Amino acid sequence: MEKAKEEMLIEAQNQKRKEQLASLSLQRGSLASYRGDKGQMSYQNRLRKIAMPEKSLKENPTFTEHSLVKTSIPFLYAKESDTIILKGDIFIYQGKPFEVDSLNFKRREFQARPIWEGEIKNAPSDKDISMSISDLKGERASAYVHQPSREERKLLKIIHTGDFYGNFDKELQEKYYPLHLVCATYNECTPPIFSIGNGGKLAINEERYYCYRDPGTVHSLNPFSLDDLKKIQSAAKIGIETEYKWRLEIYQKLFQGCIPELSAIMFKAVLVDEEGIAKSA
């Protein structure tokens, strides 16, 4: 009974948080477009209206973005996806990274510019795009990264390419690896997918049409995770099964700079394969 009451309270607080964020977004947007005398009563009234949702958010235990109420920066808020939208945010749309460039409070839209590096085969253009805040809940919007760090920005710019396997922060690569798979295969890149196959062997496949919602790929291993890397190493000792053995050498080079342990596994597998071919010749 007490647990049910607690859950109802949290739900009510969370709903109130969303309403307060939506109100604060509108109020700050209105203030940002104000062109009158800031000494006028109308301007002071706007400030008072802004102070009310700010105070309520500070007191709401489900609100964690406290830096937002410590500034007067205008922002858009997508209530459907519970997303705060600020200039400088990065979102992935149709497998491509875009940076939020400007906000339109009247239309509840934002403009974004492409920031990707390298060739994207399916990109119809490299023009800026305009999106409604409701579009963030659509299937073509894979992810939204709020105020990414400098290192995150570097990684996100090449998240759809094989350059993802470069010398970056390993924790960030672990965090964004699932998103990398979505973006890479969306753009006809074919990164290897690791899983436990028959008899506990390491299965290596290419997911050309990888979908992060597909139940068959949910359990794929993340090579940037230390725990998953140990599973990969243990399974490789039993054996390796792959549809495209000739690509093992490509994978060996792919992981050489970022995960040398995995590169070594690929190298040994190539040697075993070559020995097998030599014996059968």
Protein backbone atom coordinates (compact mmCIF):
# COMPACT_ATOMS: atom_id res chain seq x y z
CA MET A 1 0.00 0.00 0.00
CA GLU A 2 2.77 2.43 0.98
CA LYS A 3 4.74 1.53 -2.16
CA ALA A 4 1.71 2.23 -4.34
CA LYS A 5 1.24 5.63 -2.68
CA GLU A 6 4.92 6.44 -3.19
CA GLU A 7 4.73 5.51 -6.88
CA MET A 8 1.63 7.68 -7.33
CA LEU A 9 3.40 10.60 -5.65
CA ILE A 10 6.47 10.25 -7.89
CA GLU A 11 4.26 10.06 -10.98
CA ALA A 12 2.41 13.21 -9.93
CA GLN A 13 5.71 15.04 -9.28
CA ASN A 14 7.07 13.90 -12.64
CA GLN A 15 3.97 15.11 -14.46
CA LYS A 16 4.21 18.43 -12.63
CA ARG A 17 7.89 18.68 -13.65
CA LYS A 18 6.97 18.31 -17.33
CA GLU A 19 4.28 20.98 -17.04
CA GLN A 20 6.69 23.35 -15.28
CA LEU A 21 9.38 22.81 -17.92
CA ALA A 22 6.88 23.46 -20.70
CA SER A 23 5.76 26.67 -18.96
CA LEU A 24 9.33 27.84 -18.33
CA SER A 25 10.24 27.19 -21.96
CA LEU A 26 7.36 29.37 -23.17
CA GLN A 27 8.13 32.14 -20.68
CA ARG A 28 11.83 32.28 -21.53
CA GLY A 29 11.05 32.20 -25.23
CA SER A 30 8.71 35.14 -24.78
CA LEU A 31 11.34 37.02 -22.80
CA ALA A 32 14.01 36.35 -25.45
CA SER A 33 11.82 37.96 -28.12
CA TYR A 34 10.96 41.00 -25.97
CA ARG A 35 12.03 44.23 -27.67
CA GLY A 36 10.51 46.80 -25.32
CA ASP A 37 11.93 48.87 -22.50
CA LYS A 38 13.25 46.55 -19.79
CA GLY A 39 12.28 49.12 -17.18
CA GLN A 40 8.59 48.80 -18.06
CA MET A 41 6.13 46.94 -15.84
CA SER A 42 5.38 44.48 -18.66
CA TYR A 43 8.99 43.28 -18.63
CA GLN A 44 9.04 42.96 -14.84
CA ASN A 45 5.84 40.92 -15.00
CA ARG A 46 7.52 38.51 -17.40
CA LEU A 47 10.40 38.07 -15.01
CA ARG A 48 7.99 37.30 -12.17
CA LYS A 49 6.19 34.72 -14.32
CA ILE A 50 9.52 33.04 -15.07
CA ALA A 51 10.48 32.93 -11.39
CA MET A 52 7.39 30.86 -10.50
CA PRO A 53 8.14 27.69 -12.56
CA GLU A 54 11.85 28.04 -11.72
CA LYS A 55 11.07 27.95 -8.00
CA SER A 56 8.71 25.00 -8.42
CA LEU A 57 11.31 23.05 -10.42
CA LYS A 58 13.96 23.61 -7.75
CA GLU A 59 11.60 22.12 -5.18
CA ASN A 60 10.58 19.16 -7.36
CA PRO A 61 12.61 16.03 -6.47
CA THR A 62 12.16 14.57 -9.97
CA PHE A 63 13.93 17.55 -11.55
CA THR A 64 17.70 17.06 -11.94
CA GLU A 65 18.74 19.67 -14.53
CA HIS A 66 19.49 22.29 -11.87
CA SER A 67 21.96 24.13 -14.10
CA LEU A 68 18.98 25.08 -16.27
CA VAL A 69 17.34 27.20 -13.56
CA LYS A 70 20.63 28.81 -12.59
CA THR A 71 20.73 30.60 -15.96
CA SER A 72 18.25 32.54 -18.07
CA ILE A 73 19.11 30.69 -21.31
CA PRO A 74 16.04 30.13 -23.53
CA PHE A 75 15.23 26.55 -24.47
CA LEU A 76 12.57 24.47 -26.19
CA TYR A 77 10.94 21.57 -24.39
CA ALA A 78 9.45 18.52 -26.11
CA LYS A 79 6.99 17.17 -23.56
CA GLU A 80 6.21 14.04 -25.62
CA SER A 81 9.82 12.83 -25.52
CA ASP A 82 10.74 14.70 -22.30
CA THR A 83 13.63 16.45 -24.10
CA ILE A 84 15.15 19.83 -23.27
CA ILE A 85 16.48 21.44 -26.47
CA LEU A 86 19.34 23.94 -26.31
CA LYS A 87 21.67 25.42 -28.89
CA GLY A 88 24.74 23.23 -29.21
CA ASP A 89 22.90 19.97 -28.55
CA ILE A 90 23.53 17.11 -31.00
CA PHE A 91 20.89 14.73 -32.26
CA ILE A 92 21.05 11.80 -34.65
CA TYR A 93 18.55 11.92 -37.48
CA GLN A 94 18.40 9.21 -40.16
CA GLY A 95 21.79 7.97 -39.01
CA LYS A 96 23.47 11.36 -39.31
CA PRO A 97 24.66 13.80 -36.61
CA PHE A 98 23.22 17.33 -36.53
CA GLU A 99 23.87 20.23 -34.17
CA VAL A 100 21.04 22.47 -32.93
CA ASP A 101 21.78 25.90 -34.35
CA SER A 102 18.72 28.04 -33.55
CA LEU A 103 15.33 27.85 -31.81
CA ASN A 104 11.95 29.03 -33.09
CA PHE A 105 9.66 29.50 -30.09
CA LYS A 106 6.63 30.61 -32.09
CA ARG A 107 6.56 27.52 -34.27
CA ARG A 108 8.01 25.20 -31.61
CA GLU A 109 10.74 24.20 -34.04
CA PHE A 110 14.51 24.18 -34.12
CA GLN A 111 17.04 24.45 -36.92
CA ALA A 112 20.08 22.19 -37.09
CA ARG A 113 23.17 21.92 -39.25
CA PRO A 114 25.01 18.75 -40.30
CA ILE A 115 28.31 18.15 -38.51
CA TRP A 116 29.31 14.76 -39.87
CA GLU A 117 32.72 13.86 -41.17
CA GLY A 118 33.41 11.37 -43.94
CA GLU A 119 31.14 10.21 -46.73
CA ILE A 120 27.53 9.29 -46.06
CA LYS A 121 26.16 7.31 -48.97
CA ASN A 122 22.48 7.85 -48.25
CA ALA A 123 22.69 11.57 -47.45
CA PRO A 124 20.39 13.44 -49.88
CA SER A 125 22.11 16.74 -49.07
CA ASP A 126 24.26 18.49 -46.51
CA LYS A 127 21.79 21.32 -45.94
CA ASP A 128 20.46 22.57 -42.62
CA ILE A 129 17.16 21.07 -41.54
CA SER A 130 14.19 22.39 -39.59
CA MET A 131 12.37 20.07 -37.18
CA SER A 132 9.31 20.27 -34.99
CA ILE A 133 9.90 19.28 -31.38
CA SER A 134 7.36 16.48 -31.85
CA ASP A 135 9.64 14.87 -34.47
CA LEU A 136 12.10 13.86 -31.76
CA LYS A 137 9.80 11.00 -30.84
CA GLY A 138 9.80 9.62 -34.38
CA GLU A 139 11.73 6.51 -35.42
CA ARG A 140 14.11 8.48 -37.65
CA ALA A 141 15.44 10.42 -34.64
CA SER A 142 17.71 7.78 -33.06
CA ALA A 143 19.23 9.77 -30.21
CA TYR A 144 19.53 13.19 -28.62
CA VAL A 145 22.68 14.29 -26.76
CA HIS A 146 22.23 17.25 -24.43
CA GLN A 147 25.22 19.65 -24.35
CA PRO A 148 27.91 17.10 -25.33
CA SER A 149 31.45 17.50 -24.07
CA ARG A 150 34.31 18.25 -26.44
CA GLU A 151 35.30 14.57 -26.56
CA GLU A 152 31.71 13.47 -27.13
CA ARG A 153 31.39 15.94 -30.01
CA LYS A 154 34.51 14.50 -31.67
CA LEU A 155 33.13 10.98 -31.44
CA LEU A 156 29.60 11.86 -32.53
CA LYS A 157 30.88 13.57 -35.70
CA ILE A 158 32.19 10.23 -36.97
CA ILE A 159 29.76 7.88 -35.23
CA HIS A 160 28.47 6.47 -38.53
CA THR A 161 31.92 5.47 -39.85
CA GLY A 162 34.76 3.05 -39.16
CA ASP A 163 36.66 5.98 -37.65
CA PHE A 164 34.60 5.31 -34.52
CA TYR A 165 37.21 2.64 -33.73
CA GLY A 166 39.97 5.22 -33.34
CA ASN A 167 41.78 6.32 -30.22
CA PHE A 168 38.97 7.92 -28.20
CA ASP A 169 37.82 7.82 -24.60
CA LYS A 170 36.92 4.14 -24.04
CA GLU A 171 34.03 4.95 -21.71
CA LEU A 172 32.47 7.12 -24.41
CA GLN A 173 33.00 4.42 -27.03
CA GLU A 174 31.30 1.92 -24.74
CA LYS A 175 28.42 4.34 -24.18
CA TYR A 176 27.88 5.14 -27.86
CA TYR A 177 28.68 1.74 -29.41
CA PRO A 178 25.00 0.68 -29.75
CA LEU A 179 24.22 4.02 -31.40
CA HIS A 180 27.25 3.57 -33.68
CA LEU A 181 25.81 0.28 -34.93
CA VAL A 182 22.51 1.96 -35.75
CA CYS A 183 24.17 4.87 -37.56
CA ALA A 184 26.82 2.83 -39.37
CA THR A 185 24.48 0.30 -40.90
CA TYR A 186 21.93 3.00 -41.67
CA ASN A 187 24.64 4.44 -43.90
CA GLU A 188 25.68 1.09 -45.42
CA CYS A 189 28.72 0.64 -43.21
CA THR A 190 29.10 -2.91 -41.90
CA PRO A 191 30.70 -3.13 -38.44
CA PRO A 192 31.12 -6.57 -36.88
CA ILE A 193 28.59 -7.76 -34.32
CA PHE A 194 29.80 -10.05 -31.54
CA SER A 195 27.64 -12.61 -29.76
CA ILE A 196 27.85 -16.08 -28.20
CA GLY A 197 27.14 -18.69 -30.85
CA ASN A 198 26.76 -22.46 -31.02
CA GLY A 199 28.60 -24.36 -28.33
CA GLY A 200 29.69 -21.17 -26.63
CA LYS A 201 31.84 -20.10 -29.59
CA LEU A 202 32.34 -16.46 -30.51
CA ALA A 203 30.00 -15.55 -33.36
CA ILE A 204 31.04 -12.62 -35.57
CA ASN A 205 28.50 -11.30 -38.03
CA GLU A 206 27.89 -8.24 -40.13
CA GLU A 207 24.59 -6.50 -39.52
CA ARG A 208 23.92 -4.62 -42.71
CA TYR A 209 20.41 -3.69 -41.60
CA TYR A 210 20.96 -3.57 -37.86
CA CYS A 211 18.00 -2.39 -35.81
CA TYR A 212 18.46 -1.69 -32.12
CA ARG A 213 14.86 -2.79 -31.51
CA ASP A 214 15.40 -6.21 -33.11
CA PRO A 215 15.22 -8.91 -30.38
CA GLY A 216 17.89 -10.91 -32.20
CA THR A 217 20.54 -8.22 -31.77
CA VAL A 218 19.70 -6.91 -28.31
CA HIS A 219 22.10 -9.39 -26.74
CA SER A 220 25.08 -8.54 -28.94
CA LEU A 221 28.27 -7.90 -26.96
CA ASN A 222 29.86 -4.47 -26.59
CA PRO A 223 33.63 -4.90 -27.16
CA PHE A 224 34.32 -1.59 -25.39
CA SER A 225 32.78 -2.96 -22.19
CA LEU A 226 35.37 -4.73 -20.03
CA ASP A 227 32.83 -7.34 -18.93
CA ASP A 228 31.72 -8.04 -22.52
CA LEU A 229 35.33 -8.11 -23.74
CA LYS A 230 36.06 -10.88 -21.20
CA LYS A 231 33.08 -12.83 -22.58
CA ILE A 232 34.40 -12.33 -26.11
CA GLN A 233 37.86 -13.58 -25.08
CA SER A 234 36.43 -16.64 -23.30
CA ALA A 235 34.20 -17.53 -26.25
CA ALA A 236 37.09 -17.09 -28.72
CA LYS A 237 39.09 -19.72 -26.82
CA ILE A 238 36.36 -22.23 -27.64
CA GLY A 239 36.28 -21.19 -31.27
CA ILE A 240 35.14 -18.54 -33.75
CA GLU A 241 32.33 -18.87 -36.24
CA THR A 242 31.74 -16.26 -38.92
CA GLU A 243 30.06 -16.13 -42.30
CA TYR A 244 32.84 -14.08 -43.88
CA LYS A 245 36.20 -15.49 -42.74
CA TRP A 246 38.06 -13.34 -45.23
CA ARG A 247 36.94 -10.26 -43.31
CA LEU A 248 38.69 -11.31 -40.10
CA GLU A 249 41.86 -9.58 -41.29
CA ILE A 250 39.87 -6.37 -41.83
CA TYR A 251 38.46 -6.63 -38.30
CA GLN A 252 41.96 -7.25 -36.94
CA LYS A 253 43.12 -3.93 -38.39
CA LEU A 254 39.90 -2.19 -37.33
CA PHE A 255 40.47 -2.89 -33.63
CA GLN A 256 44.25 -2.54 -33.68
CA GLY A 257 44.29 1.02 -32.36
CA CYS A 258 41.39 0.90 -29.89
CA ILE A 259 41.15 -2.67 -28.54
CA PRO A 260 44.47 -4.47 -29.13
CA GLU A 261 43.25 -7.54 -27.20
CA LEU A 262 40.43 -8.00 -29.71
CA SER A 263 42.77 -7.32 -32.61
CA ALA A 264 45.02 -10.12 -31.32
CA ILE A 265 42.04 -12.52 -31.28
CA MET A 266 41.29 -11.67 -34.92
CA PHE A 267 44.96 -12.12 -35.84
CA LYS A 268 45.09 -15.62 -34.33
CA ALA A 269 41.84 -16.52 -36.10
CA VAL A 270 43.34 -15.44 -39.43
CA LEU A 271 46.41 -17.60 -38.82
CA VAL A 272 44.26 -20.63 -37.93
CA ASP A 273 42.17 -20.11 -41.05
CA GLU A 274 45.25 -19.83 -43.25
CA GLU A 275 46.71 -22.99 -41.73
CA GLY A 276 43.47 -24.81 -42.41
CA ILE A 277 43.50 -23.71 -46.03
CA ALA A 278 47.14 -24.74 -46.40
CA LYS A 279 46.47 -28.24 -45.02
CA SER A 280 43.51 -28.77 -47.31
CA ALA A 281 45.45 -27.67 -50.39
